[in-house]
C-alpha atoms as a PDB file:
ATOM      1  CA  MET A   1      -2.021 -25.776   5.978  1.00  0.00           C
ATOM      2  CA  CYS A   2      -5.380 -24.741   4.468  1.00  0.00           C
ATOM      3  CA  GLY A   3      -5.975 -27.778   2.267  1.00  0.00           C
ATOM      4  CA  ASN A   4      -5.792 -25.881  -1.036  1.00  0.00           C
ATOM      5  CA  PRO A   5      -2.738 -27.254  -2.877  1.00  0.00           C
ATOM      6  CA  SER A   6      -2.005 -23.973  -4.690  1.00  0.00           C
ATOM      7  CA  LEU A   7      -2.124 -21.823  -1.521  1.00  0.00           C
ATOM      8  CA  ASP A   8      -0.133 -24.356   0.491  1.00  0.00           C
ATOM      9  CA  ALA A   9       2.533 -24.638  -2.228  1.00  0.00           C
ATOM     10  CA  TYR A  10       2.871 -20.842  -2.428  1.00  0.00           C
ATOM     11  CA  LEU A  11       3.561 -20.680   1.302  1.00  0.00           C
ATOM     12  CA  LYS A  12       6.117 -23.491   1.124  1.00  0.00           C
ATOM     13  CA  ARG A  13       7.932 -22.573  -2.107  1.00  0.00           C
ATOM     14  CA  GLN A  14       7.348 -19.000  -3.251  1.00  0.00           C
ATOM     15  CA  VAL A  15       6.647 -16.684  -0.330  1.00  0.00           C
ATOM     16  CA  ARG A  16      10.296 -15.989   0.595  1.00  0.00           C
ATOM     17  CA  GLN A  17      11.179 -15.007  -2.967  1.00  0.00           C
ATOM     18  CA  ASP A  18       8.187 -12.656  -3.278  1.00  0.00           C
ATOM     19  CA  VAL A  19       9.082 -10.901  -0.019  1.00  0.00           C
ATOM     20  CA  LYS A  20      12.770 -10.686  -0.951  1.00  0.00           C
ATOM     21  CA  ARG A  21      11.907  -9.142  -4.336  1.00  0.00           C
ATOM     22  CA  SER A  22       9.356  -6.780  -2.721  1.00  0.00           C
ATOM     23  CA  ILE A  23       6.612  -8.242  -4.905  1.00  0.00           C
ATOM     24  CA  ALA A  24       4.327  -8.879  -1.955  1.00  0.00           C
ATOM     25  CA  ARG A  25       4.082  -8.305   1.743  1.00  0.00           C
ATOM     26  CA  VAL A  26       3.002 -11.428   3.610  1.00  0.00           C
ATOM     27  CA  CYS A  27       1.173 -11.329   6.935  1.00  0.00           C
ATOM     28  CA  MET A  28       0.853 -14.587   8.853  1.00  0.00           C
ATOM     29  CA  ALA A  29      -1.446 -15.531  11.704  1.00  0.00           C
ATOM     30  CA  THR A  30      -0.290 -17.931  14.394  1.00  0.00           C
ATOM     31  CA  LYS A  31      -1.875 -19.168  17.588  1.00  0.00           C
ATOM     32  CA  PRO A  32      -0.590 -17.403  20.711  1.00  0.00           C
ATOM     33  CA  ASP A  33       1.199 -20.554  21.902  1.00  0.00           C
ATOM     34  CA  ASN A  34       2.768 -20.931  18.407  1.00  0.00           C
ATOM     35  CA  GLU A  35       2.580 -24.721  18.823  1.00  0.00           C
ATOM     36  CA  SER A  36       0.374 -25.206  15.785  1.00  0.00           C
ATOM     37  CA  GLY A  37       2.459 -23.103  13.403  1.00  0.00           C
ATOM     38  CA  ILE A  38       0.767 -20.878  10.841  1.00  0.00           C
ATOM     39  CA  VAL A  39      -3.047 -20.880  10.926  1.00  0.00           C
ATOM     40  CA  GLY A  40      -3.544 -18.343   8.139  1.00  0.00           C
ATOM     41  CA  TYR A  41      -1.842 -15.849   5.853  1.00  0.00           C
ATOM     42  CA  TYR A  42      -2.555 -13.182   3.292  1.00  0.00           C
ATOM     43  CA  THR A  43      -0.469 -11.264   0.772  1.00  0.00           C
ATOM     44  CA  LEU A  44      -0.600  -7.575  -0.090  1.00  0.00           C
ATOM     45  CA  SER A  45       0.796  -6.030  -3.269  1.00  0.00           C
ATOM     46  CA  THR A  46       0.644  -2.555  -4.724  1.00  0.00           C
ATOM     47  CA  LEU A  47      -1.505  -1.965  -7.740  1.00  0.00           C
ATOM     48  CA  SER A  48      -2.126   0.906 -10.134  1.00  0.00           C
ATOM     49  CA  VAL A  49      -5.639   1.316 -11.538  1.00  0.00           C
ATOM     50  CA  ASP A  50      -5.902   2.624 -15.096  1.00  0.00           C
ATOM     51  CA  LEU A  51      -8.837   5.018 -15.339  1.00  0.00           C
ATOM     52  CA  SER A  52      -8.897   5.367 -19.115  1.00  0.00           C
ATOM     53  CA  PHE A  53     -11.805   2.934 -19.440  1.00  0.00           C
ATOM     54  CA  LEU A  54     -14.150   5.250 -17.485  1.00  0.00           C
ATOM     55  CA  PRO A  55     -16.614   7.559 -19.239  1.00  0.00           C
ATOM     56  CA  SER A  56     -15.236  11.052 -19.970  1.00  0.00           C
ATOM     57  CA  ASP A  57     -17.760  12.838 -17.710  1.00  0.00           C
ATOM     58  CA  LEU A  58     -16.570  10.747 -14.764  1.00  0.00           C
ATOM     59  CA  LEU A  59     -12.910  11.176 -15.706  1.00  0.00           C
ATOM     60  CA  LYS A  60     -13.291  14.970 -15.470  1.00  0.00           C
ATOM     61  CA  LYS A  61     -14.091  14.596 -11.766  1.00  0.00           C
ATOM     62  CA  LEU A  62     -10.997  12.518 -11.044  1.00  0.00           C
ATOM     63  CA  ARG A  63      -7.331  13.385 -10.990  1.00  0.00           C
ATOM     64  CA  ARG A  64      -5.305  12.613 -14.100  1.00  0.00           C
ATOM     65  CA  HIS A  65      -2.951  10.089 -12.478  1.00  0.00           C
ATOM     66  CA  PRO A  66      -3.647   6.367 -12.113  1.00  0.00           C
ATOM     67  CA  LEU A  67      -5.056   5.479  -8.710  1.00  0.00           C
ATOM     68  CA  SER A  68      -2.863   3.514  -6.332  1.00  0.00           C
ATOM     69  CA  ALA A  69      -4.408   0.584  -4.541  1.00  0.00           C
ATOM     70  CA  ALA A  70      -3.551  -2.464  -2.472  1.00  0.00           C
ATOM     71  CA  LEU A  71      -4.357  -5.944  -3.712  1.00  0.00           C
ATOM     72  CA  ILE A  72      -4.993  -8.935  -1.479  1.00  0.00           C
ATOM     73  CA  GLY A  73      -3.407 -11.509  -3.743  1.00  0.00           C
ATOM     74  CA  ARG A  74      -3.857 -14.601  -1.606  1.00  0.00           C
ATOM     75  CA  ILE A  75      -5.680 -15.334   1.610  1.00  0.00           C
ATOM     76  CA  ALA A  76      -5.561 -18.739   3.264  1.00  0.00           C
ATOM     77  CA  VAL A  77      -6.839 -20.176   6.535  1.00  0.00           C
ATOM     78  CA  SER A  78      -6.310 -23.602   8.061  1.00  0.00           C
ATOM     79  CA  GLU A  79      -9.397 -25.789   8.055  1.00  0.00           C
ATOM     80  CA  GLN A  80      -9.523 -25.767  11.860  1.00  0.00           C
ATOM     81  CA  ASN A  81      -9.401 -21.948  12.153  1.00  0.00           C
ATOM     82  CA  GLN A  82     -12.031 -20.699   9.690  1.00  0.00           C
ATOM     83  CA  GLY A  83     -12.932 -17.611  11.782  1.00  0.00           C
ATOM     84  CA  ILE A  84      -9.463 -16.135  11.306  1.00  0.00           C
ATOM     85  CA  GLY A  85     -10.219 -15.219   7.655  1.00  0.00           C
ATOM     86  CA  ALA A  86     -12.503 -12.334   8.646  1.00  0.00           C
ATOM     87  CA  LEU A  87      -9.853 -11.034  11.040  1.00  0.00           C
ATOM     88  CA  GLN A  88      -7.229 -11.223   8.287  1.00  0.00           C
ATOM     89  CA  ARG A  89      -9.378  -9.079   5.981  1.00  0.00           C
ATOM     90  CA  VAL A  90      -9.804  -6.454   8.708  1.00  0.00           C
ATOM     91  CA  ASP A  91      -6.060  -6.559   9.359  1.00  0.00           C
ATOM     92  CA  ALA A  92      -5.332  -6.093   5.636  1.00  0.00           C
ATOM     93  CA  ILE A  93      -7.508  -2.972   5.539  1.00  0.00           C
ATOM     94  CA  ASN A  94      -5.753  -1.552   8.590  1.00  0.00           C
ATOM     95  CA  GLU A  95      -2.234  -2.570   7.495  1.00  0.00           C
ATOM     96  CA  PRO A  96       0.028   0.493   7.421  1.00  0.00           C
ATOM     97  CA  SER A  97       1.636   1.197   4.077  1.00  0.00           C
ATOM     98  CA  GLN A  98       5.378   0.722   3.704  1.00  0.00           C
END
């Protein structure tokens, strides 16, 4: 798909298991005619950020709980559709939480 063996193998072998186990949410881009299959994908996972490494004066300004965040774990684009990567990043930012 994108030419990177690791990203291509993930899409072929691992993606279904990660979605089934709720480890990652996978968003795929296809051409409107869907003749060419998948032209790009990205994965989103939840993440908790530990704030204990921050200086104490900064910690006082923040809440006491770890911060929740979203992680783009993988992003891949087919070699023929390089412009789709920027659109995928915008889509990831705008993706509604589950």
